[in-house]
Amino acid sequence: MNLDSGAESVIRFSAEVSQDLGPKLDFPQKVEQGPVKARLIHDPAESPDGKKLAFSAMTHLYTLDIPAESRSV
């Protein structure tokens, strides 16, 4: 772009580029049968009445009942 006139023109350009990628991060593992235990939950939020906890884990949204003796409300 010419700053004085505002006229635009295409500048032809090409380049050969070789870019290394990082290591493959796909590690297949055998999963045991039965219930899956999540080790990391995201964005836990307690319900206004303090009876439930909502959170996400492994790309799903879950709720669970908070035992009465553990409630903060």
N, C-alpha and C. Protein backbone atom coordinates (compact mmCIF):
# COMPACT_ATOMS: atom_id res chain seq x y z
N MET A 1 0.85 -1.16 0.00
CA MET A 1 0.00 0.00 0.00
C MET A 1 0.91 1.23 0.00
N ASN A 2 0.63 2.10 -0.90
CA ASN A 2 1.33 3.38 -0.96
C ASN A 2 0.70 4.30 0.08
N LEU A 3 1.49 4.70 1.08
CA LEU A 3 0.94 5.51 2.16
C LEU A 3 0.50 6.90 1.71
N ASP A 4 1.15 7.43 0.69
CA ASP A 4 0.77 8.76 0.21
C ASP A 4 -0.54 8.73 -0.57
N SER A 5 -0.65 7.77 -1.51
CA SER A 5 -1.83 7.76 -2.38
C SER A 5 -2.91 6.79 -1.91
N GLY A 6 -2.56 5.81 -1.08
CA GLY A 6 -3.53 4.80 -0.66
C GLY A 6 -3.70 3.69 -1.67
N ALA A 7 -2.95 3.73 -2.78
CA ALA A 7 -3.05 2.69 -3.82
C ALA A 7 -2.44 1.39 -3.31
N GLU A 8 -3.13 0.30 -3.64
CA GLU A 8 -2.65 -1.02 -3.24
C GLU A 8 -2.06 -1.75 -4.43
N SER A 9 -1.05 -2.57 -4.18
CA SER A 9 -0.51 -3.44 -5.23
C SER A 9 -0.04 -4.74 -4.58
N VAL A 10 -0.16 -5.84 -5.33
CA VAL A 10 0.22 -7.15 -4.84
C VAL A 10 1.72 -7.33 -5.04
N ILE A 11 2.39 -7.78 -4.00
CA ILE A 11 3.80 -8.12 -4.09
C ILE A 11 3.89 -9.63 -4.11
N ARG A 12 4.31 -10.17 -5.22
CA ARG A 12 4.39 -11.63 -5.34
C ARG A 12 5.56 -12.13 -4.51
N PHE A 13 5.30 -13.20 -3.76
CA PHE A 13 6.30 -13.72 -2.85
C PHE A 13 6.10 -15.22 -2.70
N SER A 14 7.17 -15.98 -2.68
CA SER A 14 7.09 -17.40 -2.36
C SER A 14 8.36 -17.79 -1.62
N ALA A 15 8.25 -18.83 -0.82
CA ALA A 15 9.41 -19.30 -0.04
C ALA A 15 9.24 -20.77 0.23
N GLU A 16 10.34 -21.50 0.21
CA GLU A 16 10.33 -22.89 0.64
C GLU A 16 10.61 -22.91 2.13
N VAL A 17 9.71 -23.51 2.89
CA VAL A 17 9.85 -23.52 4.34
C VAL A 17 9.78 -24.95 4.84
N SER A 18 10.69 -25.28 5.73
CA SER A 18 10.67 -26.58 6.39
C SER A 18 10.49 -26.31 7.88
N GLN A 19 9.38 -26.76 8.41
CA GLN A 19 9.07 -26.49 9.82
C GLN A 19 8.92 -27.81 10.56
N ASP A 20 9.76 -28.03 11.56
CA ASP A 20 9.64 -29.23 12.38
C ASP A 20 8.44 -29.10 13.30
N LEU A 21 7.73 -30.19 13.49
CA LEU A 21 6.62 -30.22 14.42
C LEU A 21 7.09 -30.85 15.72
N GLY A 22 6.40 -30.55 16.79
CA GLY A 22 6.74 -31.14 18.08
C GLY A 22 6.42 -32.63 18.08
N PRO A 23 6.70 -33.30 19.18
CA PRO A 23 6.44 -34.74 19.26
C PRO A 23 4.95 -35.04 19.19
N LYS A 24 4.63 -36.19 18.66
CA LYS A 24 3.24 -36.63 18.60
C LYS A 24 2.75 -36.86 20.02
N LEU A 25 1.63 -36.28 20.36
CA LEU A 25 1.12 -36.37 21.73
C LEU A 25 -0.09 -37.29 21.84
N ASP A 26 -0.12 -38.32 21.06
CA ASP A 26 -1.20 -39.30 21.08
C ASP A 26 -0.65 -40.58 21.69
N PHE A 27 -1.04 -40.87 22.91
CA PHE A 27 -0.52 -42.03 23.62
C PHE A 27 -1.66 -42.98 23.94
N PRO A 28 -1.99 -43.90 23.03
CA PRO A 28 -3.08 -44.84 23.32
C PRO A 28 -2.76 -45.66 24.57
N GLN A 29 -3.75 -45.80 25.44
CA GLN A 29 -3.58 -46.58 26.65
C GLN A 29 -4.79 -47.46 26.85
N LYS A 30 -4.56 -48.61 27.44
CA LYS A 30 -5.66 -49.51 27.74
C LYS A 30 -6.45 -48.92 28.91
N VAL A 31 -7.75 -48.87 28.76
CA VAL A 31 -8.61 -48.34 29.81
C VAL A 31 -9.27 -49.51 30.52
N GLU A 32 -9.17 -49.50 31.85
CA GLU A 32 -9.81 -50.56 32.62
C GLU A 32 -11.32 -50.50 32.43
N GLN A 33 -11.95 -51.62 32.54
CA GLN A 33 -13.40 -51.68 32.44
C GLN A 33 -14.00 -51.21 33.76
N GLY A 34 -15.19 -50.65 33.69
CA GLY A 34 -15.86 -50.19 34.90
C GLY A 34 -15.86 -48.67 34.96
N PRO A 35 -16.22 -48.13 36.12
CA PRO A 35 -16.31 -46.67 36.27
C PRO A 35 -14.96 -46.00 36.04
N VAL A 36 -15.01 -44.83 35.45
CA VAL A 36 -13.80 -44.04 35.21
C VAL A 36 -13.68 -43.02 36.33
N LYS A 37 -12.48 -42.86 36.88
CA LYS A 37 -12.25 -41.89 37.94
C LYS A 37 -11.54 -40.68 37.34
N ALA A 38 -12.19 -39.52 37.44
CA ALA A 38 -11.57 -38.30 36.95
C ALA A 38 -10.60 -37.80 38.01
N ARG A 39 -9.40 -37.44 37.58
CA ARG A 39 -8.40 -36.94 38.53
C ARG A 39 -8.34 -35.41 38.54
N LEU A 40 -8.98 -34.79 37.56
CA LEU A 40 -8.94 -33.34 37.47
C LEU A 40 -10.31 -32.84 37.05
N ILE A 41 -10.91 -31.96 37.85
CA ILE A 41 -12.18 -31.36 37.49
C ILE A 41 -11.96 -29.88 37.21
N HIS A 42 -12.84 -29.29 36.41
CA HIS A 42 -12.71 -27.90 36.02
C HIS A 42 -13.92 -27.10 36.47
N ASP A 43 -13.69 -25.89 36.88
CA ASP A 43 -14.73 -24.91 37.20
C ASP A 43 -15.81 -25.43 38.14
N PRO A 44 -15.44 -25.98 39.30
CA PRO A 44 -16.48 -26.44 40.22
C PRO A 44 -17.30 -25.25 40.73
N ALA A 45 -18.61 -25.45 40.83
CA ALA A 45 -19.50 -24.39 41.33
C ALA A 45 -20.57 -25.03 42.20
N GLU A 46 -20.71 -24.49 43.41
CA GLU A 46 -21.71 -24.99 44.34
C GLU A 46 -23.06 -24.35 44.02
N SER A 47 -24.13 -25.11 44.16
CA SER A 47 -25.47 -24.56 43.91
C SER A 47 -25.80 -23.54 44.99
N PRO A 48 -26.73 -22.61 44.71
CA PRO A 48 -27.08 -21.58 45.70
C PRO A 48 -27.53 -22.16 47.05
N ASP A 49 -28.18 -23.32 47.03
CA ASP A 49 -28.64 -23.90 48.29
C ASP A 49 -27.57 -24.78 48.95
N GLY A 50 -26.41 -24.92 48.30
CA GLY A 50 -25.30 -25.68 48.87
C GLY A 50 -25.47 -27.18 48.84
N LYS A 51 -26.48 -27.68 48.11
CA LYS A 51 -26.74 -29.12 48.10
C LYS A 51 -26.08 -29.87 46.95
N LYS A 52 -25.66 -29.15 45.91
CA LYS A 52 -25.08 -29.81 44.74
C LYS A 52 -23.81 -29.11 44.31
N LEU A 53 -22.95 -29.84 43.61
CA LEU A 53 -21.74 -29.30 43.03
C LEU A 53 -21.79 -29.61 41.54
N ALA A 54 -21.58 -28.59 40.71
CA ALA A 54 -21.51 -28.78 39.26
C ALA A 54 -20.06 -28.57 38.84
N PHE A 55 -19.59 -29.38 37.89
CA PHE A 55 -18.22 -29.27 37.40
C PHE A 55 -18.11 -29.96 36.06
N SER A 56 -17.03 -29.68 35.34
CA SER A 56 -16.79 -30.39 34.10
C SER A 56 -15.55 -31.26 34.27
N ALA A 57 -15.56 -32.40 33.61
CA ALA A 57 -14.44 -33.34 33.61
C ALA A 57 -14.52 -34.14 32.33
N MET A 58 -13.39 -34.29 31.68
CA MET A 58 -13.29 -35.10 30.46
C MET A 58 -14.35 -34.68 29.44
N THR A 59 -14.51 -33.40 29.23
CA THR A 59 -15.40 -32.77 28.25
C THR A 59 -16.89 -32.95 28.53
N HIS A 60 -17.26 -33.34 29.74
CA HIS A 60 -18.67 -33.50 30.09
C HIS A 60 -18.99 -32.67 31.34
N LEU A 61 -20.25 -32.32 31.50
CA LEU A 61 -20.71 -31.57 32.66
C LEU A 61 -21.39 -32.53 33.62
N TYR A 62 -21.04 -32.43 34.90
CA TYR A 62 -21.58 -33.34 35.92
C TYR A 62 -22.12 -32.53 37.09
N THR A 63 -23.05 -33.15 37.84
CA THR A 63 -23.48 -32.63 39.13
C THR A 63 -23.44 -33.77 40.12
N LEU A 64 -23.17 -33.44 41.37
CA LEU A 64 -23.22 -34.46 42.41
C LEU A 64 -23.80 -33.85 43.66
N ASP A 65 -24.40 -34.69 44.47
CA ASP A 65 -24.97 -34.25 45.75
C ASP A 65 -23.84 -34.05 46.75
N ILE A 66 -23.87 -32.93 47.47
CA ILE A 66 -22.90 -32.69 48.52
C ILE A 66 -23.48 -33.25 49.81
N PRO A 67 -22.74 -34.14 50.49
CA PRO A 67 -23.26 -34.70 51.75
C PRO A 67 -23.54 -33.58 52.76
N ALA A 68 -24.59 -33.75 53.54
CA ALA A 68 -25.04 -32.72 54.49
C ALA A 68 -23.91 -32.29 55.41
N GLU A 69 -23.08 -33.22 55.87
CA GLU A 69 -22.01 -32.87 56.80
C GLU A 69 -20.87 -32.08 56.15
N SER A 70 -20.84 -32.02 54.80
CA SER A 70 -19.79 -31.29 54.08
C SER A 70 -20.26 -29.95 53.55
N ARG A 71 -21.52 -29.63 53.70
CA ARG A 71 -22.06 -28.40 53.12
C ARG A 71 -21.53 -27.17 53.83
N SER A 72 -21.29 -26.12 53.04
CA SER A 72 -20.79 -24.87 53.61
C SER A 72 -21.92 -23.92 53.98
N VAL A 73 -23.14 -24.21 53.50
CA VAL A 73 -24.29 -23.32 53.79
C VAL A 73 -25.09 -23.86 54.92
